[in-house]
């Protein structure tokens, strides 16, 4: 089911739920989030790579996503990055935002996911995970709030609890962070 746009200033999507019970269920999922885990390529980035003549791979990221990350961290939400990519530039950018738990070059994300839960004493039901492609499926099926950018692959869009109206690298992270924190009355600098 494709998602519809949201109403600005409303922390919950207006994705035409089949019943008000579905909206209440989504609200409960937003309320239960205690930590966030994100993929990078296709989530923090637009899934494109600019390759220079020297073979360096460059990516772009949304500044607004970065502001959202800082606000979530300042309000006590742990944030974890689990990515198959190995870009030192990406790692530098994310650590510069204050993210301490960055795992790159990960082929099997599940062991890193379970270690993060153990480190923080969290349950899968307390995690919001955003991914965009097939390597994210296993975790998306297990977390309390599964999310994706608007341009995620169809297999992901069809199973998540919330599909952002924004694309990867274009504000989807800010979108979910702001919605969850506003739902919990924690969207404060």
Protein backbone atom coordinates (compact mmCIF):
# COMPACT_ATOMS: atom_id res chain seq x y z
CA UNK A 1 0.00 0.00 0.00
CA UNK A 2 1.56 3.31 -1.09
CA UNK A 3 1.60 6.03 1.56
CA UNK A 4 -0.05 9.45 1.18
CA UNK A 5 1.37 12.86 2.16
CA UNK A 6 1.26 14.14 5.71
CA UNK A 7 -0.36 17.26 7.11
CA UNK A 8 2.35 19.78 8.13
CA UNK A 9 2.62 20.24 11.90
CA UNK A 10 0.77 16.96 12.48
CA UNK A 11 3.10 14.33 13.91
CA UNK A 12 1.10 11.47 12.44
CA UNK A 13 0.69 10.58 8.76
CA UNK A 14 -2.61 10.97 6.99
CA UNK A 15 -2.06 7.77 5.04
CA UNK A 16 -5.79 7.03 4.87
CA UNK A 17 -5.81 4.20 7.41
CA UNK A 18 -8.52 1.60 6.96
CA UNK A 19 -9.82 2.54 10.38
CA UNK A 20 -9.05 4.86 13.25
CA UNK A 21 -7.70 1.78 15.02
CA UNK A 22 -4.79 1.68 12.55
CA UNK A 23 -3.98 5.31 13.32
CA UNK A 24 -4.06 4.59 17.06
CA UNK A 25 -1.79 1.58 16.48
CA UNK A 26 0.72 3.76 14.59
CA UNK A 27 0.55 6.41 17.33
CA UNK A 28 1.36 3.68 19.90
CA UNK A 29 4.35 2.57 17.82
CA UNK A 30 5.64 6.17 17.67
CA UNK A 31 5.18 6.44 21.45
CA UNK A 32 7.15 3.22 22.12
CA UNK A 33 10.34 4.29 20.30
CA UNK A 34 13.40 4.62 22.56
CA UNK A 35 16.18 4.46 19.93
CA UNK A 36 16.73 4.82 16.18
CA UNK A 37 18.74 2.73 13.75
CA UNK A 38 19.40 3.86 10.19
CA UNK A 39 20.94 2.48 7.03
CA UNK A 40 23.03 5.01 5.06
CA UNK A 41 22.88 4.59 1.28
CA UNK A 42 19.35 5.35 0.12
CA UNK A 43 18.38 6.68 3.56
CA UNK A 44 20.89 9.33 4.62
CA UNK A 45 21.87 9.65 0.93
CA UNK A 46 19.89 9.67 -2.32
CA UNK A 47 21.40 6.29 -3.26
CA UNK A 48 23.67 7.89 -5.85
CA UNK A 49 27.44 7.90 -5.96
CA UNK A 50 29.47 10.52 -7.81
CA UNK A 51 32.76 8.92 -8.84
CA UNK A 52 35.71 11.28 -9.38
CA UNK A 53 38.55 10.66 -11.84
CA UNK A 54 40.62 9.42 -8.89
CA UNK A 55 37.96 6.82 -8.06
CA UNK A 56 36.76 8.65 -4.95
CA UNK A 57 33.05 8.09 -4.29
CA UNK A 58 31.10 11.15 -3.14
CA UNK A 59 27.60 11.27 -1.65
CA UNK A 60 25.23 14.05 -0.63
CA UNK A 61 23.24 14.28 2.59
CA UNK A 62 20.47 16.54 3.83
CA UNK A 63 21.45 19.22 6.34
CA UNK A 64 17.91 19.02 7.76
CA UNK A 65 18.42 15.33 8.49
CA UNK A 66 21.53 16.35 10.44
CA UNK A 67 19.58 18.88 12.50
CA UNK A 68 17.00 16.20 13.29
CA UNK A 69 19.75 13.81 14.40
CA UNK A 70 21.21 16.43 16.74
CA UNK A 71 17.80 17.15 18.29
CA UNK A 72 17.12 13.44 18.85
CA UNK A 73 20.54 12.93 20.45
CA UNK A 74 20.10 16.02 22.67
CA UNK A 75 16.81 14.52 23.87
CA UNK A 76 18.45 11.26 24.91
CA UNK A 77 17.65 8.97 21.98
CA UNK A 78 20.50 6.64 21.04
CA UNK A 79 21.13 6.52 17.29
CA UNK A 80 22.91 3.68 15.53
CA UNK A 81 24.09 3.40 11.94
CA UNK A 82 24.38 -0.01 10.28
CA UNK A 83 25.60 0.12 6.68
CA UNK A 84 27.26 -2.07 4.12
CA UNK A 85 29.15 0.96 2.81
CA UNK A 86 32.65 1.90 3.89
CA UNK A 87 32.89 5.60 3.03
CA UNK A 88 35.20 7.45 5.40
CA UNK A 89 33.52 10.72 4.42
CA UNK A 90 30.14 9.36 5.50
CA UNK A 91 31.56 8.10 8.79
CA UNK A 92 33.17 11.48 9.42
CA UNK A 93 29.91 13.33 8.70
CA UNK A 94 27.81 11.07 10.93
CA UNK A 95 30.27 11.09 13.82
CA UNK A 96 30.43 14.88 13.45
CA UNK A 97 26.69 14.95 14.16
CA UNK A 98 27.36 13.15 17.44
CA UNK A 99 26.45 9.60 16.41
CA UNK A 100 28.73 7.26 18.34
CA UNK A 101 27.46 3.88 17.15
CA UNK A 102 28.46 3.64 13.49
CA UNK A 103 29.00 0.20 11.97
CA UNK A 104 30.21 0.26 8.35
CA UNK A 105 31.14 -2.53 5.97
CA UNK A 106 28.47 -4.75 7.55
CA UNK A 107 27.25 -7.59 5.33
CA UNK A 108 24.94 -9.22 7.88
CA UNK A 109 23.18 -6.49 9.87
CA UNK A 110 21.42 -8.81 12.32
CA UNK A 111 24.36 -9.45 14.75
CA UNK A 112 25.09 -5.71 14.95
CA UNK A 113 21.41 -5.02 15.59
CA UNK A 114 21.22 -7.52 18.45
CA UNK A 115 24.47 -6.20 19.96
CA UNK A 116 23.06 -2.64 19.92
CA UNK A 117 19.93 -3.85 21.73
CA UNK A 118 22.07 -5.61 24.33
CA UNK A 119 24.36 -2.60 24.82
CA UNK A 120 21.41 -0.31 25.63
CA UNK A 121 19.15 -2.88 27.29
CA UNK A 122 16.49 -2.32 24.65
CA UNK A 123 13.85 -4.56 23.12
CA UNK A 124 13.29 -4.75 19.36
CA UNK A 125 9.81 -3.30 20.00
CA UNK A 126 11.46 -0.05 21.19
CA UNK A 127 13.44 0.50 17.98
CA UNK A 128 12.59 2.62 14.96
CA UNK A 129 14.55 1.33 11.96
CA UNK A 130 14.71 3.03 8.58
CA UNK A 131 15.98 1.10 5.58
CA UNK A 132 15.44 1.21 1.85
CA UNK A 133 16.50 -2.09 0.31
CA UNK A 134 16.55 -5.87 0.69
CA UNK A 135 19.46 -6.08 3.20
CA UNK A 136 17.16 -4.24 5.65
CA UNK A 137 14.23 -6.67 5.46
CA UNK A 138 15.16 -8.95 8.37
CA UNK A 139 15.45 -6.09 10.85
CA UNK A 140 12.41 -4.25 9.48
CA UNK A 141 10.31 -7.35 10.20
CA UNK A 142 11.43 -7.41 13.86
CA UNK A 143 11.40 -3.80 15.10
CA UNK A 144 8.57 -1.93 16.77
CA UNK A 145 8.46 0.82 14.13
CA UNK A 146 9.63 -0.08 10.62
CA UNK A 147 10.10 2.88 8.28
CA UNK A 148 11.49 3.73 4.86
CA UNK A 149 12.04 6.66 2.51
CA UNK A 150 9.52 7.30 -0.28
CA UNK A 151 11.95 5.95 -2.88
CA UNK A 152 12.67 2.63 -1.13
CA UNK A 153 12.26 -0.53 -3.21
CA UNK A 154 8.73 -1.90 -3.48
CA UNK A 155 9.47 -4.91 -1.27
CA UNK A 156 10.34 -2.54 1.59
CA UNK A 157 7.52 -0.03 1.02
CA UNK A 158 4.99 -2.85 1.12
CA UNK A 159 5.92 -4.09 4.61
CA UNK A 160 6.82 -1.01 6.68
CA UNK A 161 4.64 0.67 9.29
CA UNK A 162 5.45 4.13 7.95
CA UNK A 163 6.78 5.26 4.57
CA UNK A 164 8.05 8.84 4.64
CA UNK A 165 6.75 11.09 1.87
CA UNK A 166 10.38 12.23 1.48
CA UNK A 167 13.15 10.46 -0.42
CA UNK A 168 16.44 9.20 0.92
CA UNK A 169 18.93 12.05 1.25
CA UNK A 170 16.09 14.56 1.04
CA UNK A 171 14.70 14.76 4.57
CA UNK A 172 13.21 11.32 5.30
CA UNK A 173 15.31 10.99 8.47
CA UNK A 174 14.23 14.40 9.74
CA UNK A 175 10.64 13.42 8.93
CA UNK A 176 10.60 10.29 11.11
CA UNK A 177 12.69 11.82 13.91
CA UNK A 178 10.41 14.86 14.10
CA UNK A 179 7.22 12.78 14.04
CA UNK A 180 8.38 10.41 16.77
CA UNK A 181 9.74 13.17 18.99
CA UNK A 182 6.65 15.37 18.51
CA UNK A 183 4.40 12.43 19.33
CA UNK A 184 6.38 12.02 22.56
CA UNK A 185 6.45 15.81 23.19
CA UNK A 186 10.27 15.78 22.97
CA UNK A 187 10.89 17.87 19.85
CA UNK A 188 13.01 20.46 21.66
CA UNK A 189 16.43 22.02 21.09
